[in-house]
Each structure stands twice: as C-alpha cells, then as structure tokens.
C-alpha cells in the first residue's frame, strides 16, 4: 500500500501572458487534502481545473503561493505524484506490461522487484491475461485501466486524474468509476479528480470542490457524507448532486457542466 500524502495549497495564484498582457487563471486557491482522501474538482470550462493539476504535478513552477506535499514545497515532477489524463497515451508499439513498466523507468529497485510490481498492478486493474496485448487490441476502458496502473506502479503518494473517463461511453464510464473507487480503497492513496461530470464527482469524492472561472477561484466545498458503495438513485445522492449544481449560478454555466 502506498503512503497517502497530505496536500496543502495556500494562496495559490497563476497567470499567463497573452500578447504581452497578464491573464489571471487562478486566484487565491486554498485547499487542504487529507491523507487518503478522494477530492473531486468540478467547474465550467476555463475555471483553471487542469491548470491546477499541472501545478500540483510540477509541470509548471511559475505561480504565487505554496503547494506543499507533506509539508514540503513541490519543486518539479516526482515519483511521489502520478497522473492520468483523458487520453490514455499508451505507446502503440509496447505491450500492456511494457506500457505499465514505463512508470518504473526512473524508480529504484531491482528488475525482479519491478516485474513483481507490474504483475501486481495488472492484477489490481483486473487485466490478467492481457499482459502481452498491444493497445490496438484493447477497448477504451481497458486502455484507461492500463494508464491507471502505469500511474500507480511506482507507488505515488497522490494520484491526479484529469477527466480520465471523459472520452468513454456512459456504460464504460460508470463501470470504471466503480473500478476507480475499488482501487482507491484498496491502495489507500490520496486522489484528486478533475471532471465536468457532477454525478461522477459526487459518486467518487469525499468532498466536491466547486470552482468558478475567470479567474479560477473556489466557490464552495461540498462534503459528501454518503456511505460506500453509493446509490446514484437515492434521494440523498440526488440532494447532494443538486446542491453542487446550484453553485453554477447562470444557465450558461449549468449547461457547461454535465448532469
């Protein structure tokens, strides 16, 4: 089981330069994520959700404020943080086990330990029997499971997920949401999910962070005190989902977020 990290974001602001002018993207973001917590982040397009993940993973170091992992300021990418994107980004000339093994290229350990880790994570995402398969032989959902295994194989402290199921059909998406919940519970890892789908955010998250755009700010944080596994058809689930949707104050913003 991976060590679950505490993530503290303090007074985080970010801007880009467009035609010589400053374009604020994030403004005064404050968020603490507890060890082993699952936090969902929702918001309409342009609210800076993906930019926030890029800063946490360490792909962009130009910002004001602090991003602290277990009390230490993030300074670039590291094996202690993994990420899964909307596109699985598997290399087509590598097999399932070889693609997962990419996550261990810079990791310590012997070849035997790395092979054990790959085998364990193939089992974790329930792809035993597909070790030698190539990406073209996998469904979209199976490919995304490989991407999740690749992100987890080096035992990161935090897993970041940027719309990981956005390109999948509804049935596959619902199934993988259940699978992700199982993996999170089994691994005990801290997870942060960015999504446009409010139902997905409520189904998976311990808390839902609602962001508003231009520049991106936290509008509200909604607790999700529902027992797991969660019943999407229950009154309590619908009540929390509607509570989140009400934070999108204009009709245009409501339409931009999936219900």
Protein backbone atom coordinates (compact mmCIF):
# COMPACT_ATOMS: atom_id res chain seq x y z
CA UNK A 1 0.00 0.00 0.00
CA UNK A 2 1.32 3.45 -0.90
CA UNK A 3 1.88 6.17 1.66
CA UNK A 4 -1.02 8.61 1.46
CA UNK A 5 0.14 12.21 1.39
CA UNK A 6 -1.26 15.43 2.78
CA UNK A 7 -1.55 18.15 0.13
CA UNK A 8 -1.79 21.81 1.19
CA UNK A 9 -2.45 24.56 -1.33
CA UNK A 10 -2.06 28.04 0.14
CA UNK A 11 -2.93 31.35 -1.53
CA UNK A 12 -2.18 29.91 -4.97
CA UNK A 13 -2.47 32.29 -7.91
CA UNK A 14 -1.43 31.75 -11.52
CA UNK A 15 -1.42 33.94 -14.61
CA UNK A 16 -0.39 33.57 -18.23
CA UNK A 17 0.95 36.22 -20.57
CA UNK A 18 -1.16 36.71 -23.71
CA UNK A 19 0.04 39.28 -26.27
CA UNK A 20 2.06 40.92 -23.54
CA UNK A 21 -0.88 41.25 -21.17
CA UNK A 22 -1.37 39.33 -17.94
CA UNK A 23 -4.26 36.83 -18.00
CA UNK A 24 -5.19 35.64 -14.49
CA UNK A 25 -6.08 31.92 -14.50
CA UNK A 26 -6.20 31.02 -10.78
CA UNK A 27 -6.74 33.38 -7.87
CA UNK A 28 -6.10 32.74 -4.18
CA UNK A 29 -6.75 28.99 -4.14
CA UNK A 30 -6.69 27.50 -0.64
CA UNK A 31 -7.28 23.78 -0.21
CA UNK A 32 -6.08 21.07 2.19
CA UNK A 33 -6.42 17.43 1.14
CA UNK A 34 -6.17 14.86 3.93
CA UNK A 35 -4.14 11.64 3.61
CA UNK A 36 -6.14 9.00 1.76
CA UNK A 37 -8.93 11.44 0.87
CA UNK A 38 -10.69 11.47 -2.52
CA UNK A 39 -11.36 15.05 -3.64
CA UNK A 40 -13.35 15.86 -6.78
CA UNK A 41 -12.97 19.23 -8.51
CA UNK A 42 -15.73 20.49 -10.80
CA UNK A 43 -16.27 23.68 -12.74
CA UNK A 44 -17.16 25.01 -16.15
CA UNK A 45 -14.60 25.32 -18.93
CA UNK A 46 -11.99 27.98 -18.26
CA UNK A 47 -12.04 27.80 -14.47
CA UNK A 48 -8.45 26.53 -14.26
CA UNK A 49 -9.07 22.92 -13.14
CA UNK A 50 -6.47 21.37 -15.43
CA UNK A 51 -4.02 24.22 -14.77
CA UNK A 52 -4.32 23.44 -11.06
CA UNK A 53 -3.42 19.79 -11.71
CA UNK A 54 -0.42 20.82 -13.83
CA UNK A 55 0.85 22.91 -10.93
CA UNK A 56 0.36 20.07 -8.44
CA UNK A 57 2.14 17.55 -10.67
CA UNK A 58 5.00 20.05 -11.08
CA UNK A 59 4.83 20.74 -14.83
CA UNK A 60 4.66 24.50 -14.24
CA UNK A 61 6.58 26.22 -11.45
CA UNK A 62 5.64 29.84 -12.22
CA UNK A 63 2.95 30.74 -9.69
CA UNK A 64 2.40 32.67 -6.49
CA UNK A 65 1.64 30.96 -3.20
CA UNK A 66 2.56 27.47 -1.99
CA UNK A 67 1.82 23.87 -2.94
CA UNK A 68 3.04 21.59 -0.16
CA UNK A 69 3.21 17.81 -0.14
CA UNK A 70 3.61 16.53 3.42
CA UNK A 71 4.86 20.00 4.32
CA UNK A 72 7.47 20.25 1.54
CA UNK A 73 7.09 22.69 -1.35
CA UNK A 74 6.63 20.97 -4.72
CA UNK A 75 9.59 21.72 -6.98
CA UNK A 76 9.08 19.89 -10.26
CA UNK A 77 7.81 16.47 -11.21
CA UNK A 78 8.47 13.50 -8.94
CA UNK A 79 7.59 9.84 -8.49
CA UNK A 80 5.54 10.81 -5.43
CA UNK A 81 2.82 12.15 -7.75
CA UNK A 82 1.16 10.22 -10.56
CA UNK A 83 -1.28 11.50 -13.18
CA UNK A 84 -3.87 10.01 -15.54
CA UNK A 85 -5.12 12.09 -18.49
CA UNK A 86 -8.31 11.90 -20.55
CA UNK A 87 -6.34 10.20 -23.33
CA UNK A 88 -4.59 7.05 -22.16
CA UNK A 89 -1.36 7.95 -24.04
CA UNK A 90 -0.19 4.34 -24.33
CA UNK A 91 2.69 3.69 -26.70
CA UNK A 92 1.24 1.55 -29.51
CA UNK A 93 4.41 -0.49 -30.07
CA UNK A 94 4.56 -1.64 -26.42
CA UNK A 95 2.51 -4.36 -24.72
CA UNK A 96 0.34 -3.82 -21.64
CA UNK A 97 3.12 -4.87 -19.27
CA UNK A 98 5.70 -2.78 -21.14
CA UNK A 99 3.47 0.32 -21.04
CA UNK A 100 2.93 -0.12 -17.30
CA UNK A 101 6.67 -0.64 -16.89
CA UNK A 102 7.30 2.87 -18.26
CA UNK A 103 6.17 4.15 -14.88
CA UNK A 104 9.19 2.45 -13.31
CA UNK A 105 11.91 3.76 -15.64
CA UNK A 106 13.32 6.13 -13.04
CA UNK A 107 12.23 4.19 -9.98
CA UNK A 108 14.62 2.41 -7.61
CA UNK A 109 14.57 -1.37 -7.23
CA UNK A 110 15.82 -4.48 -8.98
CA UNK A 111 14.41 -5.84 -12.24
CA UNK A 112 12.74 -8.64 -10.27
CA UNK A 113 11.04 -6.12 -7.94
CA UNK A 114 9.86 -4.08 -10.90
CA UNK A 115 8.43 -7.16 -12.63
CA UNK A 116 6.58 -8.04 -9.42
CA UNK A 117 5.17 -4.52 -9.23
CA UNK A 118 3.99 -4.70 -12.87
CA UNK A 119 2.34 -8.07 -12.24
CA UNK A 120 0.65 -6.78 -9.07
CA UNK A 121 -0.75 -3.73 -10.85
CA UNK A 122 -2.01 -5.73 -13.82
CA UNK A 123 -3.94 -7.74 -11.24
CA UNK A 124 -5.05 -4.54 -9.47
CA UNK A 125 -6.75 -3.21 -12.61
CA UNK A 126 -8.08 -6.69 -13.45
CA UNK A 127 -6.20 -7.20 -16.73
CA UNK A 128 -4.62 -10.58 -16.03
CA UNK A 129 -4.34 -12.45 -19.33
CA UNK A 130 -3.71 -9.25 -21.31
CA UNK A 131 -0.06 -8.79 -20.33
CA UNK A 132 1.17 -9.31 -23.91
CA UNK A 133 -1.66 -7.44 -25.62
CA UNK A 134 -0.99 -4.24 -27.58
CA UNK A 135 -3.11 -1.08 -27.24
CA UNK A 136 -4.95 -1.70 -30.55
CA UNK A 137 -6.21 -4.98 -29.07
CA UNK A 138 -7.78 -3.25 -26.05
CA UNK A 139 -11.06 -1.40 -25.59
CA UNK A 140 -11.03 2.23 -24.49
CA UNK A 141 -11.86 1.24 -20.93
CA UNK A 142 -9.12 -1.38 -20.81
CA UNK A 143 -6.60 1.12 -22.18
CA UNK A 144 -7.52 3.59 -19.45
CA UNK A 145 -7.04 0.85 -16.84
CA UNK A 146 -3.52 0.36 -18.20
CA UNK A 147 -2.93 4.11 -17.83
CA UNK A 148 -4.12 3.98 -14.21
CA UNK A 149 -1.83 1.01 -13.50
CA UNK A 150 1.10 2.86 -15.09
CA UNK A 151 0.44 5.89 -12.87
CA UNK A 152 0.23 3.74 -9.73
CA UNK A 153 3.01 1.23 -10.33
CA UNK A 154 5.73 3.28 -8.62
CA UNK A 155 3.52 3.75 -5.54
CA UNK A 156 2.95 7.54 -5.65
CA UNK A 157 1.58 9.38 -2.63
CA UNK A 158 -1.01 11.26 -4.70
CA UNK A 159 -2.82 10.26 -7.89
CA UNK A 160 -4.17 13.10 -10.04
CA UNK A 161 -6.88 12.36 -12.59
CA UNK A 162 -7.69 14.87 -15.34
CA UNK A 163 -11.05 13.89 -16.89
CA UNK A 164 -9.87 10.25 -17.08
CA UNK A 165 -13.20 8.88 -18.34
CA UNK A 166 -14.31 11.83 -20.47
CA UNK A 167 -13.74 10.04 -23.80
CA UNK A 168 -15.60 6.86 -22.84
CA UNK A 169 -19.21 5.82 -23.42
CA UNK A 170 -21.65 6.09 -20.50
CA UNK A 171 -21.70 2.39 -19.57
CA UNK A 172 -17.90 2.02 -19.65
CA UNK A 173 -17.56 5.26 -17.71
CA UNK A 174 -19.90 4.10 -14.93
CA UNK A 175 -18.06 0.78 -14.70
CA UNK A 176 -14.65 2.45 -14.48
CA UNK A 177 -15.90 4.85 -11.82
CA UNK A 178 -16.70 1.79 -9.70
CA UNK A 179 -13.31 0.30 -10.54
CA UNK A 180 -11.51 3.51 -9.59
CA UNK A 181 -13.33 3.56 -6.26
CA UNK A 182 -12.24 -0.04 -5.62
CA UNK A 183 -8.62 0.77 -6.50
CA UNK A 184 -8.64 3.86 -4.27
CA UNK A 185 -9.99 1.89 -1.34
CA UNK A 186 -7.56 -0.97 -1.93
CA UNK A 187 -4.50 1.27 -2.30
CA UNK A 188 -5.38 3.80 0.40
CA UNK A 189 -3.93 6.57 -1.75
CA UNK A 190 -4.80 10.27 -1.90
CA UNK A 191 -6.71 11.01 -5.13
CA UNK A 192 -7.71 14.28 -6.78
CA UNK A 193 -10.14 14.09 -9.72
CA UNK A 194 -10.93 16.89 -12.16
CA UNK A 195 -14.21 16.39 -14.01
CA UNK A 196 -17.08 18.18 -15.74
CA UNK A 197 -19.46 15.45 -14.56
CA UNK A 198 -21.16 16.39 -11.28
CA UNK A 199 -22.61 12.90 -10.80
CA UNK A 200 -19.13 11.40 -11.17
CA UNK A 201 -17.73 13.93 -8.70
CA UNK A 202 -20.36 13.07 -6.07
CA UNK A 203 -20.12 9.31 -6.68
CA UNK A 204 -16.35 9.27 -6.10
CA UNK A 205 -15.48 12.21 -3.87
CA UNK A 206 -15.34 12.62 -0.11
CA UNK A 207 -15.63 16.31 -0.93
CA UNK A 208 -16.53 18.21 -4.11
CA UNK A 209 -14.65 21.44 -4.78
CA UNK A 210 -16.73 23.77 -6.94
CA UNK A 211 -14.70 26.30 -8.93
CA UNK A 212 -15.83 29.41 -10.74
CA UNK A 213 -14.00 30.93 -13.72
CA UNK A 214 -12.10 33.99 -14.90
CA UNK A 215 -10.01 33.81 -12.86
CA UNK A 216 -10.47 30.38 -11.32
CA UNK A 217 -11.50 30.51 -7.66
CA UNK A 218 -13.02 28.08 -5.20
CA UNK A 219 -16.68 28.96 -4.91
CA UNK A 220 -17.62 26.30 -2.39
CA UNK A 221 -16.56 22.92 -0.99
CA UNK A 222 -19.40 20.41 -0.56
CA UNK A 223 -19.00 17.44 1.79
CA UNK A 224 -20.30 14.06 0.56
CA UNK A 225 -21.11 12.10 3.77
CA UNK A 226 -22.59 9.10 1.94
CA UNK A 227 -21.66 5.50 2.73
CA UNK A 228 -19.93 3.47 0.04
CA UNK A 229 -20.84 1.92 -2.30
CA UNK A 230 -23.06 4.84 -3.24
CA UNK A 231 -26.52 4.57 -4.74
CA UNK A 232 -26.87 7.05 -7.61
CA UNK A 233 -30.65 6.65 -7.48
CA UNK A 234 -31.03 7.52 -3.80
CA UNK A 235 -32.65 10.70 -2.52
CA UNK A 236 -29.54 11.66 -0.52
CA UNK A 237 -27.30 11.27 -3.58
CA UNK A 238 -29.65 13.41 -5.71
CA UNK A 239 -29.82 16.05 -2.99
CA UNK A 240 -26.03 16.47 -2.85
CA UNK A 241 -25.78 16.43 -6.65
CA UNK A 242 -28.38 19.20 -6.86
CA UNK A 243 -26.59 21.13 -4.12
CA UNK A 244 -23.43 21.14 -6.25
CA UNK A 245 -25.32 22.09 -9.43
CA UNK A 246 -26.92 25.05 -7.67
CA UNK A 247 -23.47 26.58 -7.31
CA UNK A 248 -23.40 27.16 -11.07
CA UNK A 249 -25.35 30.36 -10.92
CA UNK A 250 -26.09 31.13 -14.57
CA UNK A 251 -27.93 28.99 -17.15
CA UNK A 252 -24.83 29.02 -19.34
CA UNK A 253 -22.69 27.57 -16.56
CA UNK A 254 -25.30 24.94 -15.74
CA UNK A 255 -25.29 23.79 -19.35
CA UNK A 256 -21.48 23.60 -19.40
CA UNK A 257 -21.44 21.05 -16.59
CA UNK A 258 -22.69 17.54 -17.26
CA UNK A 259 -25.65 16.37 -15.18
